[in-house]
Protein backbone atom coordinates (compact mmCIF):
# COMPACT_ATOMS: atom_id res chain seq x y z
CA MET A 1 -17.55 -15.90 -7.93
CA THR A 2 -14.71 -13.50 -8.64
CA VAL A 3 -14.55 -11.04 -11.52
CA SER A 4 -11.35 -10.71 -13.49
CA VAL A 5 -9.82 -7.38 -14.42
CA LEU A 6 -7.27 -9.17 -16.60
CA PRO A 7 -7.28 -11.20 -19.79
CA LYS A 8 -6.57 -14.86 -19.03
CA SER A 9 -3.11 -14.67 -20.57
CA ALA A 10 -2.07 -11.99 -18.13
CA GLN A 11 -2.97 -13.85 -14.97
CA ALA A 12 0.00 -14.58 -12.69
CA PRO A 13 -1.05 -16.55 -9.60
CA ALA A 14 2.29 -16.41 -7.81
CA SER A 15 2.03 -14.94 -4.32
CA PRO A 16 4.59 -14.04 -1.65
CA ALA A 17 5.65 -17.06 0.38
CA ARG A 18 5.76 -15.19 3.70
CA PRO A 19 3.86 -12.27 5.19
CA ALA A 20 5.74 -8.99 5.39
CA THR A 21 6.69 -8.21 9.01
CA SER A 22 8.70 -4.96 9.09
CA HIS A 23 7.17 -1.63 8.12
CA ASP A 24 9.56 -1.33 5.18
CA ALA A 25 8.63 -4.81 3.97
CA MET A 26 4.92 -4.02 4.34
CA ARG A 27 5.33 -0.85 2.28
CA ALA A 28 7.34 -2.72 -0.35
CA GLN A 29 4.61 -5.36 -0.62
CA LEU A 30 1.96 -2.66 -0.99
CA ASP A 31 3.99 -0.87 -3.68
CA GLN A 32 4.21 -4.10 -5.68
CA ASP A 33 0.48 -4.70 -5.32
CA ILE A 34 -0.37 -1.13 -6.38
CA ALA A 35 1.76 -1.49 -9.50
CA ALA A 36 0.13 -4.83 -10.39
CA LEU A 37 -3.40 -3.51 -9.87
CA LEU A 38 -2.93 -0.35 -11.91
CA THR A 39 -1.34 -2.30 -14.75
CA ALA A 40 -4.26 -4.73 -14.69
CA ALA A 41 -6.93 -2.02 -14.56
CA ASP A 42 -6.29 -0.94 -18.19
CA LEU A 43 -7.07 2.74 -17.66
CA PRO A 44 -6.74 5.30 -20.49
CA SER A 45 -4.16 8.09 -20.45
CA PRO A 46 -3.85 10.49 -18.67
CA LEU A 47 -6.06 8.79 -16.05
CA LEU A 48 -3.59 5.93 -15.56
CA ASP A 49 -0.69 8.40 -15.29
CA ALA A 50 -2.56 10.41 -12.66
CA CYS A 51 -3.39 7.30 -10.64
CA ARG A 52 0.21 6.12 -10.72
CA TYR A 53 1.38 9.60 -9.75
CA VAL A 54 -0.72 9.80 -6.59
CA MET A 55 -0.48 6.13 -5.61
CA THR A 56 3.33 5.97 -5.83
CA ALA A 57 4.02 9.17 -3.88
CA SER A 58 6.04 8.78 -0.70
CA GLY A 59 3.21 8.61 1.84
CA LYS A 60 3.42 7.06 5.30
CA ARG A 61 1.05 4.22 4.32
CA VAL A 62 -0.40 4.31 7.83
CA ARG A 63 -3.69 2.56 7.04
CA PRO A 64 -2.14 -0.38 5.14
CA LEU A 65 0.38 -0.72 7.96
CA MET A 66 -2.57 -1.00 10.33
CA VAL A 67 -4.01 -3.85 8.26
CA PHE A 68 -0.72 -5.74 8.12
CA SER A 69 0.23 -5.05 11.76
CA THR A 70 -3.14 -6.19 13.07
CA PHE A 71 -2.96 -9.29 10.90
CA ALA A 72 0.53 -10.08 12.20
CA SER A 73 -0.52 -9.51 15.83
CA ILE A 74 -3.21 -12.18 15.84
CA ASP A 75 -2.34 -15.86 16.01
CA SER A 76 -4.29 -17.47 13.18
CA SER A 77 -2.58 -20.87 13.36
CA ALA A 78 -5.81 -22.46 14.62
CA HIS A 79 -7.31 -21.82 11.18
CA ALA A 80 -4.41 -23.24 9.19
CA GLU A 81 -5.91 -26.59 8.21
CA GLN A 82 -9.24 -25.27 6.98
CA ASP A 83 -7.99 -21.96 5.60
CA PRO A 84 -4.28 -21.80 4.71
CA ALA A 85 -2.35 -18.92 6.21
CA GLU A 86 -1.11 -17.92 2.76
CA SER A 87 -4.68 -17.38 1.57
CA ARG A 88 -5.48 -15.27 4.62
CA TYR A 89 -2.35 -13.18 4.06
CA ASP A 90 -3.40 -12.59 0.46
CA MET A 91 -6.72 -11.26 1.75
CA ALA A 92 -4.80 -8.94 4.10
CA ARG A 93 -2.86 -7.69 1.07
CA ARG A 94 -6.17 -7.01 -0.66
CA ALA A 95 -7.46 -5.17 2.41
CA ALA A 96 -4.29 -3.07 2.66
CA LEU A 97 -4.58 -2.19 -1.01
CA ALA A 98 -8.24 -1.25 -0.60
CA VAL A 99 -7.73 1.13 2.32
CA GLU A 100 -4.79 2.88 0.63
CA LEU A 101 -6.75 3.31 -2.61
CA LEU A 102 -9.70 4.80 -0.72
CA HIS A 103 -7.48 7.03 1.41
CA THR A 104 -5.61 8.35 -1.62
CA TYR A 105 -8.86 9.06 -3.45
CA SER A 106 -9.94 11.17 -0.47
CA LEU A 107 -6.67 13.13 -0.56
CA VAL A 108 -6.94 13.82 -4.30
CA HIS A 109 -10.45 15.19 -3.84
CA ASP A 110 -9.52 17.08 -0.65
CA ASP A 111 -6.82 18.96 -2.56
CA LEU A 112 -9.12 20.17 -5.36
CA PRO A 113 -9.83 23.91 -5.65
CA CYS A 114 -13.46 23.33 -4.66
CA MET A 115 -12.34 21.76 -1.38
CA ASP A 116 -9.07 22.72 0.38
CA ASP A 117 -7.33 24.03 -2.77
CA ASP A 118 -3.89 22.69 -1.80
CA ALA A 119 -0.88 22.68 -4.12
CA LEU A 120 1.34 20.23 -2.20
CA ARG A 121 0.71 16.68 -0.99
CA ARG A 122 3.17 14.01 0.14
CA GLY A 123 6.03 16.33 -0.75
CA GLN A 124 5.03 16.83 -4.38
CA PRO A 125 2.59 19.01 -6.37
CA THR A 126 -1.00 17.87 -6.06
CA CYS A 127 -2.73 15.88 -8.78
CA HIS A 128 -4.79 18.74 -10.23
CA ILE A 129 -1.67 20.91 -10.44
CA VAL A 130 0.33 18.30 -12.38
CA PHE A 131 -2.58 17.20 -14.59
CA ASP A 132 -5.82 19.19 -14.46
CA GLU A 133 -8.94 19.35 -12.32
CA ALA A 134 -11.01 17.02 -14.49
CA THR A 135 -8.29 14.33 -14.53
CA ALA A 136 -7.77 14.66 -10.77
CA LEU A 137 -11.49 14.33 -10.17
CA LEU A 138 -11.68 11.18 -12.30
CA ALA A 139 -8.52 9.76 -10.72
CA GLY A 140 -10.18 10.03 -7.32
CA ASP A 141 -13.35 8.46 -8.69
CA VAL A 142 -11.58 5.44 -10.17
CA LEU A 143 -9.38 4.89 -7.11
CA GLN A 144 -12.54 4.69 -5.03
CA THR A 145 -14.05 2.06 -7.31
CA LEU A 146 -10.79 0.10 -7.47
CA ALA A 147 -10.72 0.00 -3.67
CA PHE A 148 -13.81 -2.21 -3.65
CA GLU A 149 -12.77 -4.17 -6.73
CA ALA A 150 -9.47 -5.05 -5.05
CA LEU A 151 -11.30 -7.12 -2.42
CA HIS A 152 -13.00 -9.39 -4.93
CA ALA A 153 -11.37 -9.37 -8.38
CA GLU A 154 -8.88 -11.79 -9.86
CA LEU A 155 -5.56 -9.95 -9.75
CA PRO A 156 -1.99 -10.73 -10.79
CA THR A 157 0.23 -12.14 -8.01
CA PHE A 158 -2.82 -12.88 -5.82
CA ARG A 159 -4.58 -16.14 -5.12
CA PRO A 160 -8.31 -16.11 -5.91
CA SER A 161 -10.26 -13.99 -3.47
CA ASP A 162 -11.86 -15.86 -0.56
CA ALA A 163 -15.54 -15.01 -1.08
CA LEU A 164 -16.52 -15.32 2.59
CA ILE A 165 -13.66 -13.18 3.87
CA ALA A 166 -14.19 -10.66 1.05
CA SER A 167 -17.86 -10.36 2.01
CA ARG A 168 -16.97 -9.72 5.64
CA LEU A 169 -14.34 -7.17 4.60
CA SER A 170 -16.85 -5.31 2.43
CA ALA A 171 -19.36 -5.24 5.27
CA VAL A 172 -16.79 -3.42 7.42
CA PHE A 173 -15.28 -1.30 4.66
CA ALA A 174 -18.33 0.09 2.83
CA PRO A 175 -20.11 1.84 5.73
CA ARG A 176 -16.85 3.35 6.93
CA ALA A 177 -16.12 4.66 3.44
CA ARG A 178 -19.51 6.37 3.58
CA ARG A 179 -18.77 7.75 7.03
CA MET A 180 -15.47 9.19 5.78
CA VAL A 181 -17.33 11.22 3.14
CA SER A 182 -20.00 12.29 5.63
CA GLY A 183 -17.26 13.45 7.98
CA GLN A 184 -15.73 15.55 5.22
CA MET A 185 -19.08 17.28 4.69
CA LEU A 186 -19.44 17.92 8.42
CA ASP A 187 -15.91 19.32 8.47
CA LEU A 188 -16.73 21.74 5.65
CA ASN A 189 -19.92 22.74 7.45
CA ALA A 190 -17.91 23.51 10.61
CA GLU A 191 -15.42 25.86 8.93
CA ALA A 192 -15.36 29.31 10.52
CA SER A 193 -17.54 28.07 13.37
CA SER A 194 -16.73 29.76 16.68
CA SER A 195 -19.26 27.83 18.73
CA ILE A 196 -18.32 24.20 18.08
CA VAL A 197 -17.79 22.13 21.21
CA GLN A 198 -15.52 19.11 21.75
CA SER A 199 -18.28 16.51 21.36
CA GLU A 200 -19.23 17.99 17.98
CA LEU A 201 -15.62 18.11 16.83
CA GLU A 202 -15.11 14.50 17.85
CA ALA A 203 -18.23 13.44 15.97
CA ILE A 204 -16.76 15.00 12.82
CA HIS A 205 -13.38 13.34 13.16
CA ARG A 206 -14.61 9.92 14.24
CA ASP A 207 -16.06 9.83 10.74
CA LYS A 208 -13.70 11.93 8.62
CA THR A 209 -10.45 10.39 9.91
CA GLY A 210 -11.41 7.67 12.34
CA ALA A 211 -13.74 5.62 10.14
CA LEU A 212 -11.07 4.45 7.69
CA ILE A 213 -8.61 3.78 10.51
CA GLU A 214 -11.31 1.64 12.16
CA ALA A 215 -11.79 -0.18 8.86
CA ALA A 216 -8.07 -0.88 8.45
CA ILE A 217 -7.65 -2.37 11.91
CA LEU A 218 -10.86 -4.41 11.80
CA MET A 219 -10.10 -5.70 8.29
CA GLY A 220 -6.68 -6.89 9.43
CA GLY A 221 -8.40 -8.77 12.24
CA ILE A 222 -10.93 -10.37 9.90
CA CYS A 223 -8.18 -11.61 7.59
CA ALA A 224 -6.30 -13.13 10.52
CA GLY A 225 -9.39 -14.93 11.84
CA ALA A 226 -9.78 -12.82 14.99
CA SER A 227 -12.00 -14.20 17.74
CA ASP A 228 -14.98 -12.25 19.05
CA ALA A 229 -12.93 -11.10 22.03
CA GLN A 230 -10.08 -9.98 19.79
CA GLN A 231 -12.49 -8.12 17.51
CA ALA A 232 -13.97 -6.31 20.52
CA ALA A 233 -10.49 -5.24 21.62
CA LEU A 234 -9.68 -4.12 18.07
CA ILE A 235 -12.82 -1.96 17.94
CA GLU A 236 -11.83 -0.26 21.20
CA ALA A 237 -8.26 0.29 19.97
CA ALA A 238 -9.40 1.53 16.56
CA LYS A 239 -11.81 4.11 17.94
CA ALA A 240 -9.13 5.58 20.22
CA ILE A 241 -6.36 5.58 17.60
CA GLY A 242 -8.63 7.02 14.91
CA LEU A 243 -9.38 10.06 17.05
CA ALA A 244 -5.83 10.33 18.40
CA PHE A 245 -4.47 10.46 14.85
CA GLN A 246 -6.63 13.50 14.02
CA VAL A 247 -5.78 15.34 17.24
CA GLN A 248 -2.11 14.73 16.47
CA ASP A 249 -2.56 15.97 12.88
CA ASP A 250 -4.05 19.21 14.21
CA ILE A 251 -1.03 19.67 16.49
CA LEU A 252 1.51 18.93 13.75
CA ASP A 253 -0.20 21.43 11.44
CA VAL A 254 0.83 24.27 13.75
CA THR A 255 4.12 22.92 15.16
CA MET A 256 5.91 21.52 12.09
CA SER A 257 7.11 23.06 8.82
CA THR A 258 5.85 22.46 5.30
CA ASP A 259 9.09 20.63 4.50
CA ASP A 260 8.59 18.32 7.49
CA LEU A 261 4.93 17.63 6.74
CA GLY A 262 5.16 17.24 2.96
CA LYS A 263 2.03 19.43 2.71
CA PRO A 264 1.33 23.09 3.52
CA ALA A 265 1.79 23.81 7.22
CA GLY A 266 -0.83 26.07 8.78
CA SER A 267 -3.49 25.05 6.27
CA ASP A 268 -6.10 24.50 9.00
CA GLU A 269 -5.74 28.08 10.17
CA LYS A 270 -5.79 29.40 6.60
CA LEU A 271 -9.09 27.61 5.97
CA ASP A 272 -10.39 28.58 9.42
CA LYS A 273 -11.09 24.94 10.22
CA SER A 274 -12.35 23.73 13.57
CA THR A 275 -9.44 21.89 15.21
CA TYR A 276 -8.42 20.57 18.61
CA VAL A 277 -5.64 23.15 18.79
CA LYS A 278 -8.13 25.93 18.12
CA LEU A 279 -10.50 24.47 20.71
CA MET A 280 -8.12 23.63 23.55
CA GLY A 281 -4.60 24.88 22.71
CA VAL A 282 -1.47 22.92 21.80
CA GLU A 283 -0.57 21.75 25.30
CA THR A 284 -3.99 20.41 26.24
CA ALA A 285 -4.47 18.89 22.78
CA THR A 286 -1.13 17.09 23.15
CA GLU A 287 -2.18 15.68 26.52
CA TYR A 288 -5.47 14.55 25.02
CA ALA A 289 -3.73 12.85 22.07
CA GLU A 290 -1.35 11.07 24.46
CA SER A 291 -4.27 9.76 26.54
CA LEU A 292 -6.06 8.48 23.43
CA PHE A 293 -2.92 6.73 22.18
CA ALA A 294 -2.52 5.14 25.63
CA THR A 295 -6.11 3.88 25.53
CA GLY A 296 -5.61 2.42 22.07
CA ARG A 297 -2.31 0.85 23.04
CA ALA A 298 -3.81 -0.78 26.12
CA ALA A 299 -6.65 -2.30 24.09
CA ALA A 300 -4.29 -3.49 21.34
CA SER A 301 -1.98 -5.15 23.84
CA THR A 302 -4.71 -7.63 24.79
CA ILE A 303 -5.15 -9.22 21.35
CA SER A 304 -1.96 -11.28 21.33
CA LYS A 305 0.00 -13.50 23.68
CA ASP A 306 3.19 -11.72 22.61
CA SER A 307 4.78 -9.14 24.88
CA ASP A 308 4.05 -5.52 24.01
CA ALA A 309 7.50 -5.10 22.52
CA ALA A 310 6.93 -7.96 20.07
CA GLN A 311 3.33 -7.11 19.17
CA PRO A 312 3.22 -5.44 15.72
CA LEU A 313 0.08 -3.36 16.30
CA VAL A 314 1.42 -1.98 19.58
CA THR A 315 4.73 -1.21 17.85
CA LEU A 316 2.83 0.66 15.15
CA ILE A 317 0.86 2.66 17.70
CA ASP A 318 4.12 3.67 19.43
CA TRP A 319 5.54 4.72 16.05
CA LEU A 320 2.44 6.81 15.30
CA TRP A 321 2.68 8.63 18.63
CA ALA A 322 6.31 9.53 17.85
CA ARG A 323 5.66 10.69 14.26
CA LYS A 324 6.48 14.21 13.13
CA LYS A 325 4.51 14.32 9.89
């Protein structure tokens, strides 16, 4: 049974006729779904204003792209008669919305004075700078709750949530949301540590960064009806890409400018964080990131009959390796 966040008169069941396929189309779909959800949520001011501010900033939308790209990479035609493709795509939209809501909540809280105390995020002043600390804290709180609500609730422009798929999505999503927070605590504990070794650093980042990336890829597979073999390949790809993404972030923090990154460059060094660059240097860290991306790409290439060039998840992995922010 689904729970509505809207009065009956506001329900609008229309849904996109075709899944988004290009990155721009995927982002456009997500932007529409964010707008619909926040309108439906009926939040008081300035909480609603703060949520719209952080959710409509010009981020890369990497995690939702992972959901959509994984979904598009898996042939779900075998499920069409029992479970229409349109319904499965709607669940992928819900999953993409959920991971972006959770990710953005984590950024809002990361930027607070009690955490990293950053003034710039996604090329604009951070939430607590534009509003205030209390509003930013509550904005993060409500985005986290909306992330789980998005999987189950009746929402405008969505078909009713598929209860079985939503349950499977929650079973993947919830423990990885917890791991993300645990990883943040471990990261704070490791600040100023001069004795941390690579295995300890990887344990931190497999949770702090990797857990939500794992969730995004696995949730895309669930929505597409991935087989056991495809799910196993997705787990392997997700673990490699989740770690690669963090290694790459550490490199970009010291090699790119604030203007390029859309957030303060050199912030890891300022906070004396434990990073792969600090542990092994830029050159070795770059080689390590490249090897992890290659591992993830190889695993992802096995989930579809399409050639690598036509496989959306592989294309996304190649784009991530080439990113500069």
